[in-house]
PDB file of N, CA and C in Angstrom:
ATOM      1  N   MET A   1     -91.224-111.478  92.355  1.00  0.00           N
ATOM      2  CA  MET A   1     -89.895-111.938  91.989  1.00  0.00           C
ATOM      3  C   MET A   1     -88.864-110.826  92.124  1.00  0.00           C
ATOM      4  N   LEU A   2     -89.235-109.631  91.698  1.00  0.00           N
ATOM      5  CA  LEU A   2     -88.287-108.524  91.742  1.00  0.00           C
ATOM      6  C   LEU A   2     -87.927-108.163  93.180  1.00  0.00           C
ATOM      7  N   GLU A   3     -88.890-108.256  94.060  1.00  0.00           N
ATOM      8  CA  GLU A   3     -88.627-108.009  95.485  1.00  0.00           C
ATOM      9  C   GLU A   3     -87.614-109.026  96.016  1.00  0.00           C
ATOM     10  N   ASP A   4     -87.758-110.274  95.602  1.00  0.00           N
ATOM     11  CA  ASP A   4     -86.810-111.315  96.008  1.00  0.00           C
ATOM     12  C   ASP A   4     -85.408-111.022  95.483  1.00  0.00           C
ATOM     13  N   GLU A   5     -85.329-110.557  94.250  1.00  0.00           N
ATOM     14  CA  GLU A   5     -84.028-110.217  93.667  1.00  0.00           C
ATOM     15  C   GLU A   5     -83.366-109.084  94.439  1.00  0.00           C
ATOM     16  N   PHE A   6     -84.145-108.102  94.846  1.00  0.00           N
ATOM     17  CA  PHE A   6     -83.582-107.003  95.621  1.00  0.00           C
ATOM     18  C   PHE A   6     -83.104-107.498  96.983  1.00  0.00           C
ATOM     19  N   GLN A   7     -83.855-108.386  97.595  1.00  0.00           N
ATOM     20  CA  GLN A   7     -83.445-108.948  98.881  1.00  0.00           C
ATOM     21  C   GLN A   7     -82.131-109.728  98.744  1.00  0.00           C
ATOM     22  N   LYS A   8     -81.971-110.467  97.653  1.00  0.00           N
ATOM     23  CA  LYS A   8     -80.711-111.180  97.402  1.00  0.00           C
ATOM     24  C   LYS A   8     -79.558-110.191  97.279  1.00  0.00           C
ATOM     25  N   PHE A   9     -79.812-109.076  96.588  1.00  0.00           N
ATOM     26  CA  PHE A   9     -78.810-108.030  96.444  1.00  0.00           C
ATOM     27  C   PHE A   9     -78.388-107.517  97.822  1.00  0.00           C
ATOM     28  N   LEU A  10     -79.352-107.242  98.688  1.00  0.00           N
ATOM     29  CA  LEU A  10     -79.038-106.740 100.029  1.00  0.00           C
ATOM     30  C   LEU A  10     -78.249-107.761 100.837  1.00  0.00           C
ATOM     31  N   LEU A  11     -78.572-109.033 100.652  1.00  0.00           N
ATOM     32  CA  LEU A  11     -77.865-110.079 101.391  1.00  0.00           C
ATOM     33  C   LEU A  11     -76.403-110.196 100.970  1.00  0.00           C
ATOM     34  N   ASP A  12     -76.090-109.768  99.748  1.00  0.00           N
ATOM     35  CA  ASP A  12     -74.710-109.812  99.259  1.00  0.00           C
ATOM     36  C   ASP A  12     -73.856-108.671  99.809  1.00  0.00           C
ATOM     37  N   LEU A  13     -74.486-107.698 100.439  1.00  0.00           N
ATOM     38  CA  LEU A  13     -73.749-106.548 100.951  1.00  0.00           C
ATOM     39  C   LEU A  13     -73.107-106.872 102.288  1.00  0.00           C
ATOM     40  N   LEU A  14     -72.003-106.215 102.549  1.00  0.00           N
ATOM     41  CA  LEU A  14     -71.387-106.320 103.868  1.00  0.00           C
ATOM     42  C   LEU A  14     -72.248-105.548 104.860  1.00  0.00           C
ATOM     43  N   PRO A  15     -72.346-106.017 106.083  1.00  0.00           N
ATOM     44  CA  PRO A  15     -73.195-105.323 107.068  1.00  0.00           C
ATOM     45  C   PRO A  15     -72.861-103.850 107.219  1.00  0.00           C
ATOM     46  N   GLU A  16     -71.583-103.495 107.174  1.00  0.00           N
ATOM     47  CA  GLU A  16     -71.217-102.083 107.320  1.00  0.00           C
ATOM     48  C   GLU A  16     -71.656-101.251 106.105  1.00  0.00           C
ATOM     49  N   GLU A  17     -71.679-101.855 104.918  1.00  0.00           N
ATOM     50  CA  GLU A  17     -72.187-101.148 103.739  1.00  0.00           C
ATOM     51  C   GLU A  17     -73.675-100.860 103.892  1.00  0.00           C
ATOM     52  N   LEU A  18     -74.382-101.852 104.340  1.00  0.00           N
ATOM     53  CA  LEU A  18     -75.824-101.727 104.530  1.00  0.00           C
ATOM     54  C   LEU A  18     -76.136-100.686 105.599  1.00  0.00           C
ATOM     55  N   GLU A  19     -75.396-100.730 106.677  1.00  0.00           N
ATOM     56  CA  GLU A  19     -75.606 -99.768 107.767  1.00  0.00           C
ATOM     57  C   GLU A  19     -75.266 -98.347 107.319  1.00  0.00           C
ATOM     58  N   GLN A  20     -74.201 -98.198 106.553  1.00  0.00           N
ATOM     59  CA  GLN A  20     -73.761 -96.885 106.100  1.00  0.00           C
ATOM     60  C   GLN A  20     -74.811 -96.223 105.205  1.00  0.00           C
ATOM     61  N   HIS A  21     -75.537 -97.013 104.438  1.00  0.00           N
ATOM     62  CA  HIS A  21     -76.509 -96.472 103.493  1.00  0.00           C
ATOM     63  C   HIS A  21     -77.947 -96.831 103.861  1.00  0.00           C
ATOM     64  N   ALA A  22     -78.198 -97.087 105.124  1.00  0.00           N
ATOM     65  CA  ALA A  22     -79.535 -97.480 105.567  1.00  0.00           C
ATOM     66  C   ALA A  22     -80.584 -96.431 105.224  1.00  0.00           C
ATOM     67  N   ASP A  23     -80.198 -95.166 105.255  1.00  0.00           N
ATOM     68  CA  ASP A  23     -81.153 -94.096 104.946  1.00  0.00           C
ATOM     69  C   ASP A  23     -81.494 -94.027 103.465  1.00  0.00           C
ATOM     70  N   ALA A  24     -80.738 -94.724 102.637  1.00  0.00           N
ATOM     71  CA  ALA A  24     -80.965 -94.671 101.186  1.00  0.00           C
ATOM     72  C   ALA A  24     -81.563 -95.963 100.634  1.00  0.00           C
ATOM     73  N   ILE A  25     -82.015 -96.867 101.487  1.00  0.00           N
ATOM     74  CA  ILE A  25     -82.534 -98.156 101.026  1.00  0.00           C
ATOM     75  C   ILE A  25     -83.699 -97.976 100.055  1.00  0.00           C
ATOM     76  N   VAL A  26     -84.583 -97.044 100.334  1.00  0.00           N
ATOM     77  CA  VAL A  26     -85.731 -96.824  99.438  1.00  0.00           C
ATOM     78  C   VAL A  26     -85.247 -96.364  98.069  1.00  0.00           C
ATOM     79  N   ALA A  27     -84.273 -95.462  98.034  1.00  0.00           N
ATOM     80  CA  ALA A  27     -83.727 -94.990  96.757  1.00  0.00           C
ATOM     81  C   ALA A  27     -83.032 -96.125  96.016  1.00  0.00           C
ATOM     82  N   LEU A  28     -82.292 -96.946  96.744  1.00  0.00           N
ATOM     83  CA  LEU A  28     -81.620 -98.095  96.122  1.00  0.00           C
ATOM     84  C   LEU A  28     -82.638 -99.063  95.539  1.00  0.00           C
ATOM     85  N   LYS A  29     -83.697 -99.312  96.272  1.00  0.00           N
ATOM     86  CA  LYS A  29     -84.739-100.233  95.814  1.00  0.00           C
ATOM     87  C   LYS A  29     -85.438 -99.691  94.568  1.00  0.00           C
ATOM     88  N   ASN A  30     -85.749 -98.408  94.569  1.00  0.00           N
ATOM     89  CA  ASN A  30     -86.392 -97.798  93.398  1.00  0.00           C
ATOM     90  C   ASN A  30     -85.499 -97.896  92.169  1.00  0.00           C
ATOM     91  N   TYR A  31     -84.226 -97.614  92.349  1.00  0.00           N
ATOM     92  CA  TYR A  31     -83.263 -97.683  91.242  1.00  0.00           C
ATOM     93  C   TYR A  31     -83.135 -99.122  90.741  1.00  0.00           C
ATOM     94  N   PHE A  32     -82.993-100.056  91.662  1.00  0.00           N
ATOM     95  CA  PHE A  32     -82.870-101.469  91.325  1.00  0.00           C
ATOM     96  C   PHE A  32     -84.063-101.924  90.497  1.00  0.00           C
ATOM     97  N   LYS A  33     -85.255-101.640  90.980  1.00  0.00           N
ATOM     98  CA  LYS A  33     -86.468-102.076  90.284  1.00  0.00           C
ATOM     99  C   LYS A  33     -86.646-101.372  88.950  1.00  0.00           C
ATOM    100  N   ALA A  34     -86.392-100.083  88.915  1.00  0.00           N
ATOM    101  CA  ALA A  34     -86.529 -99.343  87.650  1.00  0.00           C
ATOM    102  C   ALA A  34     -85.522 -99.857  86.632  1.00  0.00           C
ATOM    103  N   TYR A  35     -84.295-100.063  87.052  1.00  0.00           N
ATOM    104  CA  TYR A  35     -83.260-100.542  86.134  1.00  0.00           C
ATOM    105  C   TYR A  35     -83.600-101.929  85.599  1.00  0.00           C
ATOM    106  N   ALA A  36     -84.121-102.791  86.438  1.00  0.00           N
ATOM    107  CA  ALA A  36     -84.444-104.163  86.026  1.00  0.00           C
ATOM    108  C   ALA A  36     -85.640-104.223  85.085  1.00  0.00           C
ATOM    109  N   THR A  37     -86.540-103.263  85.159  1.00  0.00           N
ATOM    110  CA  THR A  37     -87.787-103.350  84.383  1.00  0.00           C
ATOM    111  C   THR A  37     -87.876-102.383  83.208  1.00  0.00           C
ATOM    112  N   ASP A  38     -86.971-101.446  83.102  1.00  0.00           N
ATOM    113  CA  ASP A  38     -87.093-100.385  82.092  1.00  0.00           C
ATOM    114  C   ASP A  38     -85.898-100.395  81.136  1.00  0.00           C
ATOM    115  N   ARG A  39     -86.116-100.886  79.939  1.00  0.00           N
ATOM    116  CA  ARG A  39     -85.039-100.935  78.930  1.00  0.00           C
ATOM    117  C   ARG A  39     -84.504 -99.555  78.601  1.00  0.00           C
ATOM    118  N   GLN A  40     -85.387 -98.580  78.534  1.00  0.00           N
ATOM    119  CA  GLN A  40     -84.955 -97.218  78.215  1.00  0.00           C
ATOM    120  C   GLN A  40     -84.017 -96.686  79.294  1.00  0.00           C
ATOM    121  N   LEU A  41     -84.338 -96.953  80.540  1.00  0.00           N
ATOM    122  CA  LEU A  41     -83.468 -96.514  81.629  1.00  0.00           C
ATOM    123  C   LEU A  41     -82.110 -97.209  81.540  1.00  0.00           C
ATOM    124  N   ARG A  42     -82.101 -98.484  81.246  1.00  0.00           N
ATOM    125  CA  ARG A  42     -80.826 -99.196  81.101  1.00  0.00           C
ATOM    126  C   ARG A  42     -79.992 -98.582  79.977  1.00  0.00           C
ATOM    127  N   TYR A  43     -80.638 -98.205  78.889  1.00  0.00           N
ATOM    128  CA  TYR A  43     -79.931 -97.573  77.772  1.00  0.00           C
ATOM    129  C   TYR A  43     -79.361 -96.218  78.213  1.00  0.00           C
ATOM    130  N   ILE A  44     -80.173 -95.419  78.879  1.00  0.00           N
ATOM    131  CA  ILE A  44     -79.738 -94.093  79.338  1.00  0.00           C
ATOM    132  C   ILE A  44     -78.517 -94.221  80.248  1.00  0.00           C
ATOM    133  N   ILE A  45     -78.585 -95.135  81.190  1.00  0.00           N
ATOM    134  CA  ILE A  45     -77.484 -95.320  82.135  1.00  0.00           C
ATOM    135  C   ILE A  45     -76.250 -95.855  81.424  1.00  0.00           C
ATOM    136  N   SER A  46     -76.422 -96.848  80.570  1.00  0.00           N
ATOM    137  CA  SER A  46     -75.261 -97.455  79.903  1.00  0.00           C
ATOM    138  C   SER A  46     -74.555 -96.477  78.973  1.00  0.00           C
ATOM    139  N   LYS A  47     -75.295 -95.575  78.373  1.00  0.00           N
ATOM    140  CA  LYS A  47     -74.701 -94.597  77.455  1.00  0.00           C
ATOM    141  C   LYS A  47     -74.277 -93.310  78.165  1.00  0.00           C
ATOM    142  N   GLY A  48     -74.594 -93.205  79.453  1.00  0.00           N
ATOM    143  CA  GLY A  48     -74.221 -92.011  80.205  1.00  0.00           C
ATOM    144  C   GLY A  48     -75.002 -90.774  79.810  1.00  0.00           C
ATOM    145  N   GLN A  49     -76.176 -90.971  79.239  1.00  0.00           N
ATOM    146  CA  GLN A  49     -77.016 -89.857  78.787  1.00  0.00           C
ATOM    147  C   GLN A  49     -77.960 -89.426  79.910  1.00  0.00           C
ATOM    148  N   LEU A  50     -77.373 -89.036  81.025  1.00  0.00           N
ATOM    149  CA  LEU A  50     -78.153 -88.765  82.233  1.00  0.00           C
ATOM    150  C   LEU A  50     -79.111 -87.590  82.095  1.00  0.00           C
ATOM    151  N   THR A  51     -78.848 -86.675  81.173  1.00  0.00           N
ATOM    152  CA  THR A  51     -79.786 -85.561  80.988  1.00  0.00           C
ATOM    153  C   THR A  51     -81.147 -86.064  80.524  1.00  0.00           C
ATOM    154  N   GLU A  52     -81.193 -87.251  79.927  1.00  0.00           N
ATOM    155  CA  GLU A  52     -82.460 -87.846  79.503  1.00  0.00           C
ATOM    156  C   GLU A  52     -83.372 -88.147  80.699  1.00  0.00           C
ATOM    157  N   LEU A  53     -82.781 -88.261  81.877  1.00  0.00           N
ATOM    158  CA  LEU A  53     -83.584 -88.522  83.068  1.00  0.00           C
ATOM    159  C   LEU A  53     -84.482 -87.341  83.421  1.00  0.00           C
ATOM    160  N   ASN A  54     -84.135 -86.158  82.896  1.00  0.00           N
ATOM    161  CA  ASN A  54     -84.968 -84.973  83.141  1.00  0.00           C
ATOM    162  C   ASN A  54     -86.347 -85.101  82.505  1.00  0.00           C
ATOM    163  N   VAL A  55     -86.468 -85.961  81.497  1.00  0.00           N
ATOM    164  CA  VAL A  55     -87.759 -86.141  80.820  1.00  0.00           C
ATOM    165  C   VAL A  55     -88.255 -87.582  80.875  1.00  0.00           C
ATOM    166  N   ASN A  56     -87.595 -88.401  81.673  1.00  0.00           N
ATOM    167  CA  ASN A  56     -88.001 -89.792  81.810  1.00  0.00           C
ATOM    168  C   ASN A  56     -89.113 -89.882  82.857  1.00  0.00           C
ATOM    169  N   PRO A  57     -90.282 -90.374  82.483  1.00  0.00           N
ATOM    170  CA  PRO A  57     -91.397 -90.407  83.441  1.00  0.00           C
ATOM    171  C   PRO A  57     -91.286 -91.505  84.499  1.00  0.00           C
ATOM    172  N   ASN A  58     -90.486 -92.529  84.255  1.00  0.00           N
ATOM    173  CA  ASN A  58     -90.421 -93.670  85.172  1.00  0.00           C
ATOM    174  C   ASN A  58     -89.340 -93.545  86.242  1.00  0.00           C
ATOM    175  N   PHE A  59     -88.260 -92.876  85.925  1.00  0.00           N
ATOM    176  CA  PHE A  59     -87.153 -92.702  86.855  1.00  0.00           C
ATOM    177  C   PHE A  59     -86.491 -91.390  86.507  1.00  0.00           C
ATOM    178  N   THR A  60     -86.635 -90.415  87.386  1.00  0.00           N
ATOM    179  CA  THR A  60     -86.218 -89.046  87.091  1.00  0.00           C
ATOM    180  C   THR A  60     -84.805 -88.744  87.586  1.00  0.00           C
ATOM    181  N   MET A  61     -84.331 -87.568  87.236  1.00  0.00           N
ATOM    182  CA  MET A  61     -83.027 -87.123  87.719  1.00  0.00           C
ATOM    183  C   MET A  61     -83.035 -87.021  89.244  1.00  0.00           C
ATOM    184  N   ALA A  62     -84.148 -86.587  89.821  1.00  0.00           N
ATOM    185  CA  ALA A  62     -84.250 -86.517  91.287  1.00  0.00           C
ATOM    186  C   ALA A  62     -84.129 -87.912  91.899  1.00  0.00           C
ATOM    187  N   ASP A  63     -84.739 -88.902  91.258  1.00  0.00           N
ATOM    188  CA  ASP A  63     -84.623 -90.288  91.727  1.00  0.00           C
ATOM    189  C   ASP A  63     -83.167 -90.748  91.676  1.00  0.00           C
ATOM    190  N   PHE A  64     -82.499 -90.421  90.571  1.00  0.00           N
ATOM    191  CA  PHE A  64     -81.107 -90.818  90.368  1.00  0.00           C
ATOM    192  C   PHE A  64     -80.202 -90.159  91.411  1.00  0.00           C
ATOM    193  N   LYS A  65     -80.423 -88.883  91.674  1.00  0.00           N
ATOM    194  CA  LYS A  65     -79.593 -88.165  92.648  1.00  0.00           C
ATOM    195  C   LYS A  65     -79.819 -88.664  94.074  1.00  0.00           C
ATOM    196  N   ALA A  66     -80.964 -89.278  94.331  1.00  0.00           N
ATOM    197  CA  ALA A  66     -81.243 -89.829  95.661  1.00  0.00           C
ATOM    198  C   ALA A  66     -80.422 -91.088  95.934  1.00  0.00           C
ATOM    199  N   VAL A  67     -79.902 -91.700  94.879  1.00  0.00           N
ATOM    200  CA  VAL A  67     -79.075 -92.901  95.003  1.00  0.00           C
ATOM    201  C   VAL A  67     -77.641 -92.459  95.311  1.00  0.00           C
ATOM    202  N   PRO A  68     -77.056 -92.951  96.397  1.00  0.00           N
ATOM    203  CA  PRO A  68     -75.669 -92.588  96.696  1.00  0.00           C
ATOM    204  C   PRO A  68     -74.758 -92.895  95.497  1.00  0.00           C
ATOM    205  N   ALA A  69     -73.829 -92.014  95.236  1.00  0.00           N
ATOM    206  CA  ALA A  69     -72.967 -92.118  94.052  1.00  0.00           C
ATOM    207  C   ALA A  69     -72.294 -93.477  93.922  1.00  0.00           C
ATOM    208  N   ALA A  70     -71.881 -94.055  95.022  1.00  0.00           N
ATOM    209  CA  ALA A  70     -71.189 -95.347  94.973  1.00  0.00           C
ATOM    210  C   ALA A  70     -72.067 -96.465  94.423  1.00  0.00           C
ATOM    211  N   TRP A  71     -73.370 -96.294  94.472  1.00  0.00           N
ATOM    212  CA  TRP A  71     -74.299 -97.333  94.062  1.00  0.00           C
ATOM    213  C   TRP A  71     -74.816 -97.145  92.644  1.00  0.00           C
ATOM    214  N   ARG A  72     -74.550 -96.036  92.031  1.00  0.00           N
ATOM    215  CA  ARG A  72     -75.092 -95.732  90.703  1.00  0.00           C
ATOM    216  C   ARG A  72     -74.554 -96.649  89.625  1.00  0.00           C
ATOM    217  N   LYS A  73     -73.363 -97.188  89.810  1.00  0.00           N
ATOM    218  CA  LYS A  73     -72.810 -98.172  88.865  1.00  0.00           C
ATOM    219  C   LYS A  73     -72.923 -99.585  89.411  1.00  0.00           C
ATOM    220  N   ARG A  74     -72.888 -99.678  90.709  1.00  0.00           N
ATOM    221  CA  ARG A  74     -72.906-101.005  91.336  1.00  0.00           C
ATOM    222  C   ARG A  74     -74.227-101.733  91.102  1.00  0.00           C
ATOM    223  N   ILE A  75     -75.337-101.026  91.201  1.00  0.00           N
ATOM    224  CA  ILE A  75     -76.642-101.661  90.986  1.00  0.00           C
ATOM    225  C   ILE A  75     -76.793-102.144  89.548  1.00  0.00           C
ATOM    226  N   PRO A  76     -76.499-101.322  88.539  1.00  0.00           N
ATOM    227  CA  PRO A  76     -76.596-101.844  87.166  1.00  0.00           C
ATOM    228  C   PRO A  76     -75.704-103.059  86.927  1.00  0.00           C
ATOM    229  N   GLU A  77     -74.503-103.045  87.475  1.00  0.00           N
ATOM    230  CA  GLU A  77     -73.618-104.198  87.310  1.00  0.00           C
ATOM    231  C   GLU A  77     -74.230-105.447  87.937  1.00  0.00           C
ATOM    232  N   TYR A  78     -74.777-105.304  89.128  1.00  0.00           N
ATOM    233  CA  TYR A  78     -75.393-106.441  89.794  1.00  0.00           C
ATOM    234  C   TYR A  78     -76.579-106.952  88.985  1.00  0.00           C
ATOM    235  N   VAL A  79     -77.451-106.050  88.572  1.00  0.00           N
ATOM    236  CA  VAL A  79     -78.653-106.446  87.827  1.00  0.00           C
ATOM    237  C   VAL A  79     -78.258-107.168  86.536  1.00  0.00           C
ATOM    238  N   GLN A  80     -77.300-106.628  85.815  1.00  0.00           N
ATOM    239  CA  GLN A  80     -76.879-107.248  84.558  1.00  0.00           C
ATOM    240  C   GLN A  80     -76.285-108.637  84.773  1.00  0.00           C
ATOM    241  N   ASN A  81     -75.592-108.822  85.896  1.00  0.00           N
ATOM    242  CA  ASN A  81     -74.917-110.094  86.149  1.00  0.00           C
ATOM    243  C   ASN A  81     -75.776-111.150  86.832  1.00  0.00           C
ATOM    244  N   TYR A  82     -76.764-110.719  87.624  1.00  0.00           N
ATOM    245  CA  TYR A  82     -77.465-111.684  88.461  1.00  0.00           C
ATOM    246  C   TYR A  82     -78.982-111.731  88.323  1.00  0.00           C
ATOM    247  N   VAL A  83     -79.563-110.765  87.674  1.00  0.00           N
ATOM    248  CA  VAL A  83     -81.026-110.717  87.574  1.00  0.00           C
ATOM    249  C   VAL A  83     -81.445-111.144  86.177  1.00  0.00           C
ATOM    250  N   PRO A  84     -82.358-112.107  86.067  1.00  0.00           N
ATOM    251  CA  PRO A  84     -82.835-112.536  84.741  1.00  0.00           C
ATOM    252  C   PRO A  84     -83.773-111.481  84.150  1.00  0.00           C
ATOM    253  N   LEU A  85     -83.204-110.551  83.407  1.00  0.00           N
ATOM    254  CA  LEU A  85     -83.966-109.414  82.895  1.00  0.00           C
ATOM    255  C   LEU A  85     -85.129-109.814  81.998  1.00  0.00           C
ATOM    256  N   ASP A  86     -85.026-110.935  81.305  1.00  0.00           N
ATOM    257  CA  ASP A  86     -86.111-111.354  80.428  1.00  0.00           C
ATOM    258  C   ASP A  86     -87.413-111.621  81.196  1.00  0.00           C
ATOM    259  N   HIS A  87     -87.323-111.810  82.512  1.00  0.00           N
ATOM    260  CA  HIS A  87     -88.528-112.002  83.312  1.00  0.00           C
ATOM    261  C   HIS A  87     -89.261-110.694  83.610  1.00  0.00           C
ATOM    262  N   PHE A  88     -88.583-109.573  83.425  1.00  0.00           N
ATOM    263  CA  PHE A  88     -89.136-108.292  83.856  1.00  0.00           C
ATOM    264  C   PHE A  88     -89.399-107.303  82.738  1.00  0.00           C
ATOM    265  N   ASN A  89     -89.075-107.636  81.513  1.00  0.00           N
ATOM    266  CA  ASN A  89     -89.300-106.721  80.388  1.00  0.00           C
ATOM    267  C   ASN A  89     -90.628-106.979  79.717  1.00  0.00           C
TER     268      ASN A  89
END
């Protein structure tokens, strides 16, 4: 199901957006899936407590930095608005 949700997310993107960030698709997918399945990560991101990622075993600061800056807020917004989180917690 989560793979399908990520595919829907990609389909909502403009082709030029997708092409511009084609090299970061794996990072976007990891962030999308981690955000959808990890309540602690959602809390860290929503509160802006990014230093907590240095000790987070599921999604690290290196993982976060691999996500292009423009997508760091866009993915959480999409997940919160369109993904049924109760299916993944």
